[in-house]
Amino acid sequence: MKSDVTYNKHDNQVICHKEEQQDNVVKRMTTDNCLLESYEEWDEGDDKKWILTFRVLDNYEVTPNLN
C-alpha cells in the first residue's frame, strides 16, 4: 500500500492525494467484477483530493461472455 493513497475497504473507496494517481488506481481496480461507480473532487488548492468509489459486482450482475 502506498502512503499517499487512503484506502477505505468498507465503502469501496480510494482517496487519491495527487491527480496523477487516478489513472493508475482505475486501471488496477477495474476488472470484470469491479467497476468505477463515481468520482468526486474534494477541497481546492494543495488540499485537493479525489475520491473514487468502486462497485464490486455480485454474481447476478456479471454478464457472461457470449460467442
C-alpha atoms as a PDB file:
ATOM      1  CA  MET A   1       0.000   0.000   0.000  1.00  0.00           C
ATOM      2  CA  LYS A   2       1.163   3.497  -0.735  1.00  0.00           C
ATOM      3  CA  SER A   3       1.430   6.138   1.962  1.00  0.00           C
ATOM      4  CA  ASP A   4      -0.122   8.924  -0.137  1.00  0.00           C
ATOM      5  CA  VAL A   5      -3.279   6.948  -1.013  1.00  0.00           C
ATOM      6  CA  THR A   6      -6.013   6.243   1.511  1.00  0.00           C
ATOM      7  CA  TYR A   7      -7.981   3.035   1.104  1.00  0.00           C
ATOM      8  CA  ASN A   8     -11.458   2.544   2.544  1.00  0.00           C
ATOM      9  CA  LYS A   9     -12.366  -1.111   2.090  1.00  0.00           C
ATOM     10  CA  HIS A  10     -15.838  -0.918   3.626  1.00  0.00           C
ATOM     11  CA  ASP A  11     -17.145   1.682   1.203  1.00  0.00           C
ATOM     12  CA  ASN A  12     -15.004   0.525  -1.734  1.00  0.00           C
ATOM     13  CA  GLN A  13     -13.434   3.980  -1.925  1.00  0.00           C
ATOM     14  CA  VAL A  14      -9.929   5.091  -2.781  1.00  0.00           C
ATOM     15  CA  ILE A  15      -8.862   8.631  -1.882  1.00  0.00           C
ATOM     16  CA  CYS A  16      -6.100   9.945  -4.138  1.00  0.00           C
ATOM     17  CA  HIS A  17      -3.978  12.839  -2.942  1.00  0.00           C
ATOM     18  CA  LYS A  18      -2.468  13.517  -6.381  1.00  0.00           C
ATOM     19  CA  GLU A  19      -4.319  13.830  -9.678  1.00  0.00           C
ATOM     20  CA  GLU A  20      -1.777  11.593 -11.437  1.00  0.00           C
ATOM     21  CA  GLN A  21      -2.725   8.652  -9.186  1.00  0.00           C
ATOM     22  CA  GLN A  22      -6.261   8.365 -10.527  1.00  0.00           C
ATOM     23  CA  ASP A  23      -5.435   6.657 -13.818  1.00  0.00           C
ATOM     24  CA  ASN A  24      -3.299   4.002 -12.141  1.00  0.00           C
ATOM     25  CA  VAL A  25      -5.920   3.324  -9.468  1.00  0.00           C
ATOM     26  CA  VAL A  26      -8.695   2.984 -12.057  1.00  0.00           C
ATOM     27  CA  LYS A  27      -6.582   0.668 -14.246  1.00  0.00           C
ATOM     28  CA  ARG A  28      -5.718  -1.572 -11.282  1.00  0.00           C
ATOM     29  CA  MET A  29      -9.155  -1.641  -9.666  1.00  0.00           C
ATOM     30  CA  THR A  30     -11.329  -2.032 -12.767  1.00  0.00           C
ATOM     31  CA  THR A  31     -11.922  -5.704 -13.593  1.00  0.00           C
ATOM     32  CA  ASP A  32     -14.775  -7.846 -14.870  1.00  0.00           C
ATOM     33  CA  ASN A  33     -16.152  -7.874 -11.306  1.00  0.00           C
ATOM     34  CA  CYS A  34     -15.311  -4.319 -10.196  1.00  0.00           C
ATOM     35  CA  LEU A  35     -16.311  -1.031 -11.861  1.00  0.00           C
ATOM     36  CA  LEU A  36     -15.698   2.651 -11.181  1.00  0.00           C
ATOM     37  CA  GLU A  37     -19.067   3.873  -9.907  1.00  0.00           C
ATOM     38  CA  SER A  38     -18.409   7.514  -9.002  1.00  0.00           C
ATOM     39  CA  TYR A  39     -15.758  10.223  -8.933  1.00  0.00           C
ATOM     40  CA  GLU A  40     -15.701  13.215  -6.611  1.00  0.00           C
ATOM     41  CA  GLU A  41     -13.303  16.122  -6.034  1.00  0.00           C
ATOM     42  CA  TRP A  42     -12.827  17.463  -2.510  1.00  0.00           C
ATOM     43  CA  ASP A  43     -11.267  20.751  -1.432  1.00  0.00           C
ATOM     44  CA  GLU A  44      -9.192  23.096  -3.552  1.00  0.00           C
ATOM     45  CA  GLY A  45      -5.549  24.007  -3.980  1.00  0.00           C
ATOM     46  CA  ASP A  46      -2.919  21.961  -2.115  1.00  0.00           C
ATOM     47  CA  ASP A  47      -5.554  20.107  -0.053  1.00  0.00           C
ATOM     48  CA  LYS A  48      -7.437  18.851  -3.123  1.00  0.00           C
ATOM     49  CA  LYS A  49      -8.299  15.133  -3.081  1.00  0.00           C
ATOM     50  CA  TRP A  50     -10.101  12.804  -5.451  1.00  0.00           C
ATOM     51  CA  ILE A  51     -12.457  10.143  -4.132  1.00  0.00           C
ATOM     52  CA  LEU A  52     -13.021   7.186  -6.424  1.00  0.00           C
ATOM     53  CA  THR A  53     -15.821   4.803  -5.480  1.00  0.00           C
ATOM     54  CA  PHE A  54     -15.851   1.323  -6.968  1.00  0.00           C
ATOM     55  CA  ARG A  55     -18.685  -1.184  -7.111  1.00  0.00           C
ATOM     56  CA  VAL A  56     -17.977  -4.864  -6.727  1.00  0.00           C
ATOM     57  CA  LEU A  57     -20.460  -6.773  -8.850  1.00  0.00           C
ATOM     58  CA  ASP A  58     -22.493  -9.626  -7.436  1.00  0.00           C
ATOM     59  CA  ASN A  59     -22.848 -12.863  -9.373  1.00  0.00           C
ATOM     60  CA  TYR A  60     -26.199 -11.799 -10.842  1.00  0.00           C
ATOM     61  CA  GLU A  61     -24.703  -8.515 -12.136  1.00  0.00           C
ATOM     62  CA  VAL A  62     -21.842 -10.133 -14.033  1.00  0.00           C
ATOM     63  CA  THR A  63     -22.729 -10.667 -17.659  1.00  0.00           C
ATOM     64  CA  PRO A  64     -21.410 -13.860 -19.236  1.00  0.00           C
ATOM     65  CA  ASN A  65     -19.232 -13.769 -22.330  1.00  0.00           C
ATOM     66  CA  LEU A  66     -21.295 -14.904 -25.262  1.00  0.00           C
ATOM     67  CA  ASN A  67     -19.966 -16.115 -28.594  1.00  0.00           C
END
